[in-house]
Amino acid sequence: IWCIPQMSNINLDFWEILYRCKCIEVPFVWSNNAISLFCKANNCNEEDLYYKNRGTEKNIAIFEPNISIMKWALPSVLLCEKSFRQNKKIKHLFITNINSSNTNINDFNLKQFNKLLNTCEIVKEKKCSIESRYTTLGFMSKHADIAVSHQWGNPLNYLYFDLAWMGWPIIHNAHLCKDIGYYYDDFKLISGSSILDYVINNHDKNLKDYLEKNRYYIDKYLPSNKMLQIHYRNLIIQLISIT
């Protein structure tokens, strides 16, 4: 079994015992070709999906799938709530991937979730909404300025790469890609809120540097990266020699 890095800590031994075979961690791969394919499917230009400076007040989006506590919205909501209490520069908070016509895909306890949300200042001031499922870059290009994310036991995510590659500020706690976007540690949501404050006030001053930095660090995950190609070539040779 080949296991991607963000799953190996939790699943590697689990799979080895369950399936009675060797489990090997393999490199994470991401490709910006998916952005080109999105544009073809939606009749848009890649330039339309780059970050846009829309002013000093920022709309925030949360894209967690909300089907388990590994990636769900509440930690990110609390991070944004803390920032909102401090500076009121969040124009609106969009919590996506909750409303859905197909409850088999997204069976989420909205009643309890709403009880929690209604304790927040950002909700009381009507600057927060619960939304359906959207494609990330498509939603950002039309509605939001900053993405905030939180994960538990899944410290790599295509979402971060998609956004960072196109210059969008992504605030996250995924330690396996600390160099990408804006990183805060673990469950330290107060620290994360300070980073959100920094991004709101400073991201627009460093757009070129941010884009170049992210593309530099993402390069090692691209299919075109020579070291990545060599690694997978060796993995395939090892697999063939076993069989």
Protein backbone atom coordinates (compact mmCIF):
# COMPACT_ATOMS: atom_id res chain seq x y z
CA ILE A 1 0.00 0.00 0.00
CA TRP A 2 1.23 3.48 -0.88
CA CYS A 3 0.30 6.13 1.66
CA ILE A 4 0.48 9.92 1.19
CA PRO A 5 2.33 11.81 3.97
CA GLN A 6 -0.69 13.48 5.56
CA MET A 7 -2.26 10.05 6.15
CA SER A 8 0.77 8.04 7.26
CA ASN A 9 0.82 9.13 10.92
CA ILE A 10 -2.72 7.85 11.50
CA ASN A 11 -3.15 5.13 8.88
CA LEU A 12 0.21 3.49 8.10
CA ASP A 13 0.21 0.95 10.95
CA PHE A 14 -3.57 0.60 10.71
CA TRP A 15 -3.35 -0.50 7.07
CA GLU A 16 -0.32 -2.73 7.59
CA ILE A 17 -2.12 -4.74 10.27
CA LEU A 18 -5.51 -4.76 8.56
CA TYR A 19 -4.27 -5.74 5.09
CA ARG A 20 -1.24 -7.82 6.21
CA CYS A 21 1.17 -6.09 3.86
CA LYS A 22 3.87 -3.43 3.80
CA CYS A 23 2.68 0.20 3.82
CA ILE A 24 5.05 2.80 2.35
CA GLU A 25 4.83 6.58 2.60
CA VAL A 26 5.11 8.22 -0.84
CA PRO A 27 5.55 11.91 -1.77
CA PHE A 28 2.60 14.25 -2.06
CA VAL A 29 1.92 15.48 -5.61
CA TRP A 30 0.01 18.59 -6.69
CA SER A 31 -0.39 20.06 -10.17
CA ASN A 32 -1.52 23.48 -11.34
CA ASN A 33 -2.95 21.74 -14.43
CA ALA A 34 -6.15 21.37 -12.41
CA ILE A 35 -6.54 25.16 -12.55
CA SER A 36 -6.26 25.13 -16.34
CA LEU A 37 -8.84 22.34 -16.53
CA PHE A 38 -11.18 24.32 -14.28
CA CYS A 39 -10.90 27.30 -16.64
CA LYS A 40 -11.68 25.15 -19.68
CA ALA A 41 -14.71 23.65 -17.96
CA ASN A 42 -16.00 27.04 -16.79
CA ASN A 43 -15.03 29.16 -19.81
CA CYS A 44 -12.78 31.52 -17.88
CA ASN A 45 -9.18 32.72 -18.04
CA GLU A 46 -6.59 31.85 -15.41
CA GLU A 47 -6.04 35.58 -14.90
CA ASP A 48 -9.62 35.76 -13.58
CA LEU A 49 -8.67 33.44 -10.71
CA TYR A 50 -5.69 35.39 -9.36
CA TYR A 51 -5.93 37.26 -6.06
CA LYS A 52 -7.61 40.66 -6.23
CA ASN A 53 -7.21 43.55 -3.82
CA ARG A 54 -10.75 44.74 -3.16
CA GLY A 55 -10.01 47.16 -0.33
CA THR A 56 -9.10 47.25 3.35
CA GLU A 57 -12.15 45.38 4.65
CA LYS A 58 -11.94 41.68 3.76
CA ASN A 59 -14.39 38.86 3.14
CA ILE A 60 -13.28 35.55 4.65
CA ALA A 61 -14.15 32.07 3.38
CA ILE A 62 -13.95 28.69 5.14
CA PHE A 63 -13.98 25.62 2.88
CA GLU A 64 -13.75 22.65 5.25
CA PRO A 65 -15.92 19.70 4.09
CA ASN A 66 -17.62 19.39 7.51
CA ILE A 67 -18.07 15.63 7.40
CA SER A 68 -15.72 14.89 10.32
CA ILE A 69 -13.73 16.72 12.99
CA MET A 70 -10.57 16.23 10.89
CA LYS A 71 -11.67 19.15 8.73
CA TRP A 72 -14.64 21.10 10.03
CA ALA A 73 -15.51 24.76 10.24
CA LEU A 74 -15.85 25.60 13.94
CA PRO A 75 -12.13 26.12 14.79
CA SER A 76 -11.77 28.48 11.83
CA VAL A 77 -14.97 30.30 12.81
CA LEU A 78 -13.60 30.89 16.30
CA LEU A 79 -10.30 32.11 14.84
CA CYS A 80 -12.22 34.64 12.73
CA GLU A 81 -14.44 35.58 15.68
CA LYS A 82 -11.40 36.45 17.78
CA SER A 83 -10.03 38.64 14.99
CA PHE A 84 -13.42 40.32 14.48
CA ARG A 85 -13.66 41.23 18.16
CA GLN A 86 -10.26 42.91 17.95
CA ASN A 87 -10.45 45.02 14.80
CA LYS A 88 -13.85 44.70 13.02
CA LYS A 89 -12.10 44.60 9.63
CA ILE A 90 -13.85 41.40 8.54
CA LYS A 91 -16.58 42.51 6.15
CA HIS A 92 -18.21 39.07 5.93
CA LEU A 93 -17.51 35.44 6.84
CA PHE A 94 -18.71 32.72 4.45
CA ILE A 95 -18.90 29.22 5.95
CA THR A 96 -19.19 26.96 2.92
CA ASN A 97 -19.84 23.24 2.48
CA ILE A 98 -22.69 22.99 4.96
CA ASN A 99 -25.99 23.57 3.15
CA SER A 100 -26.60 20.77 0.69
CA SER A 101 -29.60 19.30 -1.12
CA ASN A 102 -28.00 15.87 -0.78
CA THR A 103 -27.98 14.95 2.91
CA ASN A 104 -26.18 11.70 2.14
CA ILE A 105 -23.12 13.77 1.18
CA ASN A 106 -23.33 16.32 3.96
CA ASP A 107 -25.19 15.18 7.06
CA PHE A 108 -24.29 18.05 9.38
CA ASN A 109 -25.93 19.01 12.69
CA LEU A 110 -27.01 22.51 11.72
CA LYS A 111 -29.20 22.99 14.79
CA GLN A 112 -26.33 22.53 17.25
CA PHE A 113 -23.91 24.36 15.00
CA ASN A 114 -26.21 27.37 14.86
CA LYS A 115 -26.42 27.43 18.68
CA LEU A 116 -22.65 27.77 18.80
CA LEU A 117 -22.55 30.38 16.04
CA ASN A 118 -25.21 32.51 17.72
CA THR A 119 -22.84 33.16 20.63
CA CYS A 120 -20.38 34.89 18.26
CA GLU A 121 -20.19 38.66 17.75
CA ILE A 122 -19.62 38.21 14.02
CA VAL A 123 -23.00 36.44 13.77
CA LYS A 124 -24.83 38.85 16.05
CA GLU A 125 -23.70 41.71 13.79
CA LYS A 126 -25.00 39.79 10.72
CA LYS A 127 -21.61 39.44 9.08
CA CYS A 128 -21.66 35.66 8.74
CA SER A 129 -23.54 33.23 6.50
CA ILE A 130 -23.77 29.48 6.01
CA GLU A 131 -23.33 28.49 2.37
CA SER A 132 -23.44 25.46 0.09
CA ARG A 133 -20.53 23.73 -1.65
CA TYR A 134 -18.43 25.66 -4.20
CA THR A 135 -15.21 25.29 -6.12
CA THR A 136 -12.54 27.11 -4.16
CA LEU A 137 -10.94 29.42 -6.73
CA GLY A 138 -14.28 30.16 -8.38
CA PHE A 139 -15.75 31.27 -5.06
CA MET A 140 -12.71 33.29 -4.04
CA SER A 141 -12.55 35.14 -7.36
CA LYS A 142 -16.13 36.36 -6.93
CA HIS A 143 -16.84 36.59 -3.21
CA ALA A 144 -13.90 36.36 -0.81
CA ASP A 145 -10.43 37.77 -0.13
CA ILE A 146 -8.88 35.44 2.47
CA ALA A 147 -9.34 31.73 3.22
CA VAL A 148 -9.02 30.37 6.76
CA SER A 149 -8.55 26.68 7.40
CA HIS A 150 -8.05 24.17 10.20
CA GLN A 151 -7.30 20.45 10.13
CA TRP A 152 -6.66 17.72 12.67
CA GLY A 153 -4.59 14.77 11.43
CA ASN A 154 -4.53 15.79 7.76
CA PRO A 155 -1.61 18.24 7.45
CA LEU A 156 -1.48 18.54 3.66
CA ASN A 157 -4.36 19.76 1.52
CA TYR A 158 -4.80 20.55 -2.17
CA LEU A 159 -6.88 23.55 -1.11
CA TYR A 160 -3.85 25.37 0.29
CA PHE A 161 -1.82 24.80 -2.87
CA ASP A 162 -4.62 25.90 -5.20
CA LEU A 163 -5.01 29.18 -3.33
CA ALA A 164 -1.36 29.95 -2.65
CA TRP A 165 -0.38 29.24 -6.28
CA MET A 166 -2.78 31.97 -7.40
CA GLY A 167 -1.72 34.47 -4.75
CA TRP A 168 -4.68 34.12 -2.39
CA PRO A 169 -3.89 34.36 1.33
CA ILE A 170 -4.58 30.99 2.98
CA ILE A 171 -4.24 30.79 6.77
CA HIS A 172 -3.82 27.19 7.94
CA ASN A 173 -2.31 24.89 10.58
CA ALA A 174 -0.92 22.13 8.31
CA HIS A 175 2.61 21.56 9.62
CA LEU A 176 3.77 19.52 6.61
CA CYS A 177 3.52 22.65 4.43
CA LYS A 178 4.44 25.44 6.86
CA ASP A 179 6.19 27.39 4.10
CA ILE A 180 3.02 27.73 2.02
CA GLY A 181 0.51 30.48 2.78
CA TYR A 182 0.32 31.74 6.37
CA TYR A 183 0.87 29.10 9.05
CA TYR A 184 -0.27 28.90 12.67
CA ASP A 185 0.41 25.98 14.98
CA ASP A 186 -1.96 23.17 15.91
CA PHE A 187 -5.10 24.40 17.79
CA LYS A 188 -3.64 27.80 18.69
CA LEU A 189 -6.58 29.76 17.33
CA ILE A 190 -5.68 32.97 19.17
CA SER A 191 -2.28 32.92 17.48
CA GLY A 192 -4.08 32.19 14.21
CA SER A 193 -6.35 35.20 14.74
CA SER A 194 -3.26 37.40 15.11
CA ILE A 195 -2.02 36.06 11.80
CA LEU A 196 -5.40 36.87 10.24
CA ASP A 197 -5.07 40.42 11.60
CA TYR A 198 -1.62 40.63 10.01
CA VAL A 199 -2.89 39.33 6.67
CA ILE A 200 -5.79 41.80 6.62
CA ASN A 201 -3.40 44.70 7.24
CA ASN A 202 -0.34 43.62 5.26
CA HIS A 203 -1.02 41.04 2.54
CA ASP A 204 -1.73 43.67 -0.11
CA LYS A 205 1.70 45.22 0.50
CA ASN A 206 3.57 42.04 -0.48
CA LEU A 207 1.63 40.45 -3.35
CA LYS A 208 4.58 39.79 -5.66
CA ASP A 209 6.79 38.35 -2.90
CA TYR A 210 3.95 36.17 -1.61
CA LEU A 211 3.23 34.70 -5.04
CA GLU A 212 6.89 34.04 -5.81
CA LYS A 213 7.55 32.50 -2.39
CA ASN A 214 4.63 30.11 -2.67
CA ARG A 215 5.49 28.98 -6.17
CA TYR A 216 9.08 28.38 -5.08
CA TYR A 217 8.02 26.11 -2.20
CA ILE A 218 5.28 24.37 -4.20
CA ASP A 219 7.76 23.40 -6.93
CA LYS A 220 8.89 20.26 -5.06
CA TYR A 221 5.33 18.91 -5.25
CA LEU A 222 4.92 19.42 -9.00
CA PRO A 223 4.99 16.45 -11.42
CA SER A 224 7.69 18.34 -13.35
CA ASN A 225 10.06 18.33 -10.36
CA LYS A 226 13.05 16.09 -11.20
CA MET A 227 13.62 14.86 -7.64
CA LEU A 228 9.95 13.90 -7.36
CA GLN A 229 10.15 12.03 -10.67
CA ILE A 230 13.23 10.12 -9.49
CA HIS A 231 11.55 9.22 -6.21
CA TYR A 232 8.48 7.80 -7.94
CA ARG A 233 10.59 6.04 -10.57
CA ASN A 234 12.44 4.23 -7.76
CA LEU A 235 9.16 3.38 -6.04
CA ILE A 236 7.79 1.86 -9.24
CA ILE A 237 11.01 -0.12 -9.82
CA GLN A 238 10.81 -1.46 -6.26
CA LEU A 239 7.19 -2.43 -6.77
CA ILE A 240 7.93 -4.29 -10.02
CA SER A 241 10.89 -6.10 -8.45
CA ILE A 242 8.63 -7.31 -5.61
CA THR A 243 5.96 -8.67 -7.95
